Amino acid sequence: MSDAKKGDLVQIHKIILEPDQRPENLPPSTKSVAYECWIKGFLLDENAKLGNEVKIETFIGREMWGTLYRVNPTYDHNFGEPQKEILSIGSEVKHQLEKQQQ
């Protein structure tokens, strides 16, 4: 979906600092890229298309401006691959608690 109307959940993109505005004490690989953010909120403009500059209200009520990046954004994060070392913790704790109750 590329069209959004007032009240739709959207995500905007903003450049906070350009590379030349970043502190000198950063590693070169970090300093060489812009410091940017993506913010989710509700569109305040009547309508917009991807790439338009828009105004949104965030979930906590802040008004922000940025480039419309996505309409109806999803959460696509995860916790990565299961770690072998911690898979058995739950059953080990349960076993230890059962031993203490005996």
N, C-alpha and C. Protein backbone atom coordinates (compact mmCIF):
# COMPACT_ATOMS: atom_id res chain seq x y z
N MET A 1 0.86 -1.19 0.00
CA MET A 1 0.00 0.00 0.00
C MET A 1 0.90 1.24 0.00
N SER A 2 0.64 2.18 -0.92
CA SER A 2 1.48 3.37 -1.00
C SER A 2 0.72 4.65 -0.69
N ASP A 3 -0.59 4.59 -0.58
CA ASP A 3 -1.38 5.77 -0.24
C ASP A 3 -1.81 5.68 1.22
N ALA A 4 -1.76 6.80 1.90
CA ALA A 4 -2.20 6.84 3.30
C ALA A 4 -3.17 8.00 3.46
N LYS A 5 -4.10 7.84 4.40
CA LYS A 5 -5.04 8.92 4.69
C LYS A 5 -4.96 9.23 6.18
N LYS A 6 -5.49 10.36 6.54
CA LYS A 6 -5.44 10.85 7.91
C LYS A 6 -5.87 9.75 8.88
N GLY A 7 -5.07 9.54 9.93
CA GLY A 7 -5.39 8.55 10.94
C GLY A 7 -4.77 7.18 10.71
N ASP A 8 -4.24 6.93 9.49
CA ASP A 8 -3.60 5.65 9.23
C ASP A 8 -2.31 5.52 10.03
N LEU A 9 -2.00 4.29 10.43
CA LEU A 9 -0.71 4.02 11.06
C LEU A 9 0.34 4.02 9.97
N VAL A 10 1.38 4.83 10.17
CA VAL A 10 2.45 4.94 9.18
C VAL A 10 3.80 4.95 9.87
N GLN A 11 4.84 4.84 9.06
CA GLN A 11 6.21 4.94 9.55
C GLN A 11 6.92 5.99 8.72
N ILE A 12 7.62 6.89 9.41
CA ILE A 12 8.39 7.92 8.72
C ILE A 12 9.87 7.66 8.92
N HIS A 13 10.66 8.27 8.06
CA HIS A 13 12.11 8.18 8.12
C HIS A 13 12.65 9.59 8.26
N LYS A 14 13.68 9.73 9.10
CA LYS A 14 14.29 11.03 9.36
C LYS A 14 15.79 10.90 9.48
N ILE A 15 16.51 11.83 8.91
CA ILE A 15 17.95 11.92 9.13
C ILE A 15 18.14 12.87 10.32
N ILE A 16 18.75 12.38 11.37
CA ILE A 16 18.99 13.20 12.56
C ILE A 16 20.30 13.98 12.40
N LEU A 17 21.37 13.30 11.99
CA LEU A 17 22.67 13.94 11.76
C LEU A 17 23.27 13.41 10.46
N GLU A 18 23.74 14.30 9.62
CA GLU A 18 24.48 13.90 8.43
C GLU A 18 25.88 13.47 8.88
N PRO A 19 26.59 12.69 8.06
CA PRO A 19 27.92 12.23 8.47
C PRO A 19 28.85 13.34 8.94
N ASP A 20 28.84 14.50 8.26
CA ASP A 20 29.74 15.59 8.66
C ASP A 20 29.31 16.29 9.95
N GLN A 21 28.14 15.96 10.47
CA GLN A 21 27.66 16.55 11.73
C GLN A 21 27.92 15.64 12.93
N ARG A 22 28.39 14.44 12.68
CA ARG A 22 28.59 13.46 13.76
C ARG A 22 29.88 13.75 14.51
N PRO A 23 29.94 13.36 15.80
CA PRO A 23 31.13 13.64 16.62
C PRO A 23 32.41 13.02 16.04
N GLU A 24 33.51 13.69 16.26
CA GLU A 24 34.80 13.24 15.73
C GLU A 24 35.29 11.96 16.41
N ASN A 25 34.86 11.68 17.64
CA ASN A 25 35.39 10.53 18.37
C ASN A 25 34.74 9.20 17.99
N LEU A 26 33.88 9.19 16.99
CA LEU A 26 33.26 7.95 16.54
C LEU A 26 34.22 7.16 15.65
N PRO A 27 34.07 5.83 15.62
CA PRO A 27 34.88 5.05 14.67
C PRO A 27 34.55 5.50 13.24
N PRO A 28 35.54 5.47 12.35
CA PRO A 28 35.31 5.94 10.97
C PRO A 28 34.13 5.26 10.28
N SER A 29 33.92 3.97 10.52
CA SER A 29 32.83 3.28 9.86
C SER A 29 31.47 3.78 10.34
N THR A 30 31.40 4.26 11.57
CA THR A 30 30.16 4.83 12.12
C THR A 30 29.99 6.27 11.67
N LYS A 31 31.06 7.03 11.75
CA LYS A 31 31.00 8.45 11.40
C LYS A 31 30.69 8.68 9.92
N SER A 32 30.98 7.70 9.08
CA SER A 32 30.81 7.88 7.63
C SER A 32 29.36 7.73 7.16
N VAL A 33 28.45 7.36 8.06
CA VAL A 33 27.04 7.21 7.67
C VAL A 33 26.17 8.15 8.49
N ALA A 34 25.03 8.50 7.94
CA ALA A 34 24.09 9.38 8.64
C ALA A 34 23.50 8.67 9.87
N TYR A 35 23.13 9.46 10.86
CA TYR A 35 22.41 8.96 12.04
C TYR A 35 20.93 9.17 11.71
N GLU A 36 20.19 8.09 11.57
CA GLU A 36 18.82 8.20 11.09
C GLU A 36 17.87 7.41 11.98
N CYS A 37 16.57 7.69 11.84
CA CYS A 37 15.58 6.97 12.64
C CYS A 37 14.31 6.75 11.83
N TRP A 38 13.56 5.77 12.27
CA TRP A 38 12.26 5.44 11.70
C TRP A 38 11.27 5.51 12.85
N ILE A 39 10.18 6.24 12.66
CA ILE A 39 9.22 6.49 13.73
C ILE A 39 7.82 6.10 13.26
N LYS A 40 7.09 5.40 14.12
CA LYS A 40 5.72 5.01 13.80
C LYS A 40 4.74 5.95 14.49
N GLY A 41 3.63 6.20 13.82
CA GLY A 41 2.60 7.06 14.38
C GLY A 41 1.42 7.16 13.44
N PHE A 42 0.52 8.06 13.76
CA PHE A 42 -0.71 8.22 12.99
C PHE A 42 -0.61 9.47 12.13
N LEU A 43 -0.94 9.32 10.86
CA LEU A 43 -0.82 10.41 9.90
C LEU A 43 -1.76 11.55 10.27
N LEU A 44 -1.23 12.77 10.31
CA LEU A 44 -2.03 13.95 10.59
C LEU A 44 -2.44 14.68 9.32
N ASP A 45 -1.70 14.47 8.23
CA ASP A 45 -2.06 15.06 6.95
C ASP A 45 -3.31 14.38 6.40
N GLU A 46 -4.03 15.05 5.53
CA GLU A 46 -5.25 14.47 4.95
C GLU A 46 -4.97 13.21 4.14
N ASN A 47 -3.90 13.23 3.34
CA ASN A 47 -3.49 12.06 2.58
C ASN A 47 -2.03 12.24 2.18
N ALA A 48 -1.39 11.14 1.80
CA ALA A 48 0.02 11.20 1.41
C ALA A 48 0.40 9.95 0.63
N LYS A 49 1.50 10.07 -0.10
CA LYS A 49 2.07 8.95 -0.84
C LYS A 49 3.48 8.71 -0.29
N LEU A 50 3.97 7.49 -0.49
CA LEU A 50 5.33 7.17 -0.06
C LEU A 50 6.30 8.21 -0.61
N GLY A 51 7.21 8.66 0.22
CA GLY A 51 8.19 9.67 -0.20
C GLY A 51 7.78 11.09 0.10
N ASN A 52 6.49 11.33 0.42
CA ASN A 52 6.04 12.67 0.79
C ASN A 52 6.54 13.04 2.18
N GLU A 53 6.76 14.34 2.40
CA GLU A 53 7.04 14.84 3.74
C GLU A 53 5.71 14.93 4.47
N VAL A 54 5.62 14.31 5.65
CA VAL A 54 4.35 14.25 6.38
C VAL A 54 4.56 14.57 7.85
N LYS A 55 3.44 14.79 8.52
CA LYS A 55 3.42 15.03 9.96
C LYS A 55 2.63 13.90 10.60
N ILE A 56 3.17 13.34 11.70
CA ILE A 56 2.49 12.25 12.39
C ILE A 56 2.36 12.57 13.88
N GLU A 57 1.46 11.85 14.53
CA GLU A 57 1.40 11.88 16.00
C GLU A 57 1.81 10.50 16.47
N THR A 58 2.84 10.44 17.33
CA THR A 58 3.34 9.16 17.81
C THR A 58 2.38 8.57 18.84
N PHE A 59 2.66 7.35 19.25
CA PHE A 59 1.82 6.66 20.23
C PHE A 59 1.78 7.40 21.57
N ILE A 60 2.81 8.18 21.87
CA ILE A 60 2.82 8.92 23.14
C ILE A 60 2.42 10.38 22.96
N GLY A 61 1.91 10.73 21.76
CA GLY A 61 1.36 12.06 21.55
C GLY A 61 2.30 13.11 21.00
N ARG A 62 3.52 12.76 20.65
CA ARG A 62 4.45 13.73 20.07
C ARG A 62 4.15 13.92 18.59
N GLU A 63 4.28 15.13 18.11
CA GLU A 63 4.13 15.41 16.68
C GLU A 63 5.52 15.43 16.06
N MET A 64 5.68 14.66 14.98
CA MET A 64 6.98 14.53 14.31
C MET A 64 6.77 14.71 12.81
N TRP A 65 7.84 15.13 12.13
CA TRP A 65 7.83 15.29 10.68
C TRP A 65 8.88 14.37 10.09
N GLY A 66 8.63 13.90 8.90
CA GLY A 66 9.60 13.07 8.20
C GLY A 66 9.05 12.62 6.87
N THR A 67 9.81 11.77 6.21
CA THR A 67 9.44 11.23 4.90
C THR A 67 8.63 9.97 5.10
N LEU A 68 7.45 9.90 4.47
CA LEU A 68 6.61 8.72 4.60
C LEU A 68 7.34 7.52 4.03
N TYR A 69 7.58 6.54 4.87
CA TYR A 69 8.37 5.37 4.50
C TYR A 69 7.51 4.13 4.29
N ARG A 70 6.49 3.95 5.14
CA ARG A 70 5.66 2.75 5.05
C ARG A 70 4.27 3.04 5.61
N VAL A 71 3.26 2.43 5.02
CA VAL A 71 1.88 2.52 5.50
C VAL A 71 1.54 1.18 6.16
N ASN A 72 0.90 1.22 7.31
CA ASN A 72 0.58 0.02 8.09
C ASN A 72 1.81 -0.85 8.32
N PRO A 73 2.85 -0.28 8.97
CA PRO A 73 4.09 -1.03 9.18
C PRO A 73 3.87 -2.23 10.11
N THR A 74 4.64 -3.26 9.88
CA THR A 74 4.55 -4.45 10.73
C THR A 74 5.76 -4.51 11.64
N TYR A 75 5.65 -5.31 12.67
CA TYR A 75 6.78 -5.59 13.54
C TYR A 75 7.43 -6.86 13.02
N ASP A 76 8.68 -6.79 12.64
CA ASP A 76 9.33 -7.96 12.06
C ASP A 76 10.62 -8.34 12.79
N HIS A 77 10.71 -7.98 14.06
CA HIS A 77 11.90 -8.34 14.82
C HIS A 77 11.73 -9.74 15.42
N ASN A 78 12.84 -10.32 15.83
CA ASN A 78 12.80 -11.60 16.52
C ASN A 78 13.95 -11.65 17.51
N PHE A 79 14.10 -12.75 18.18
CA PHE A 79 15.15 -12.88 19.19
C PHE A 79 16.32 -13.73 18.69
N GLY A 80 16.40 -13.95 17.40
CA GLY A 80 17.52 -14.67 16.82
C GLY A 80 17.39 -16.18 16.98
N GLU A 81 18.49 -16.84 16.69
CA GLU A 81 18.54 -18.30 16.77
C GLU A 81 18.53 -18.76 18.23
N PRO A 82 17.88 -19.90 18.52
CA PRO A 82 17.92 -20.42 19.90
C PRO A 82 19.36 -20.72 20.31
N GLN A 83 19.69 -20.39 21.54
CA GLN A 83 21.03 -20.63 22.06
C GLN A 83 21.05 -21.93 22.85
N LYS A 84 21.86 -22.88 22.40
CA LYS A 84 21.92 -24.22 22.98
C LYS A 84 22.13 -24.17 24.50
N GLU A 85 22.96 -23.24 24.94
CA GLU A 85 23.32 -23.17 26.35
C GLU A 85 22.15 -22.82 27.26
N ILE A 86 21.12 -22.15 26.75
CA ILE A 86 20.01 -21.74 27.62
C ILE A 86 18.72 -22.51 27.40
N LEU A 87 18.71 -23.43 26.44
CA LEU A 87 17.49 -24.17 26.15
C LEU A 87 17.00 -25.02 27.31
N SER A 88 17.91 -25.52 28.13
CA SER A 88 17.52 -26.44 29.21
C SER A 88 17.34 -25.74 30.56
N ILE A 89 17.51 -24.43 30.63
CA ILE A 89 17.44 -23.72 31.90
C ILE A 89 16.11 -23.95 32.61
N GLY A 90 15.00 -23.83 31.90
CA GLY A 90 13.69 -24.00 32.52
C GLY A 90 13.53 -25.34 33.19
N SER A 91 13.87 -26.41 32.50
CA SER A 91 13.72 -27.74 33.10
C SER A 91 14.71 -27.97 34.23
N GLU A 92 15.92 -27.40 34.13
CA GLU A 92 16.90 -27.53 35.22
C GLU A 92 16.41 -26.83 36.48
N VAL A 93 15.87 -25.65 36.36
CA VAL A 93 15.35 -24.91 37.51
C VAL A 93 14.18 -25.68 38.14
N LYS A 94 13.30 -26.18 37.30
CA LYS A 94 12.16 -26.96 37.82
C LYS A 94 12.65 -28.17 38.59
N HIS A 95 13.63 -28.87 38.07
CA HIS A 95 14.18 -30.05 38.75
C HIS A 95 14.79 -29.66 40.10
N GLN A 96 15.53 -28.56 40.13
CA GLN A 96 16.15 -28.10 41.39
C GLN A 96 15.10 -27.70 42.41
N LEU A 97 14.03 -27.03 41.99
CA LEU A 97 12.97 -26.65 42.91
C LEU A 97 12.26 -27.88 43.46
N GLU A 98 12.04 -28.87 42.62
CA GLU A 98 11.41 -30.11 43.08
C GLU A 98 12.27 -30.82 44.11
N LYS A 99 13.58 -30.80 43.91
CA LYS A 99 14.52 -31.43 44.86
C LYS A 99 14.47 -30.73 46.21
N GLN A 100 14.36 -29.39 46.20
CA GLN A 100 14.32 -28.62 47.44
C GLN A 100 13.04 -28.87 48.22
N GLN A 101 11.96 -29.18 47.55
CA GLN A 101 10.67 -29.40 48.22
C GLN A 101 10.60 -30.79 48.83
N GLN A 102 11.48 -31.69 48.51
CA GLN A 102 11.45 -33.05 49.05
C GLN A 102 12.05 -33.13 50.43
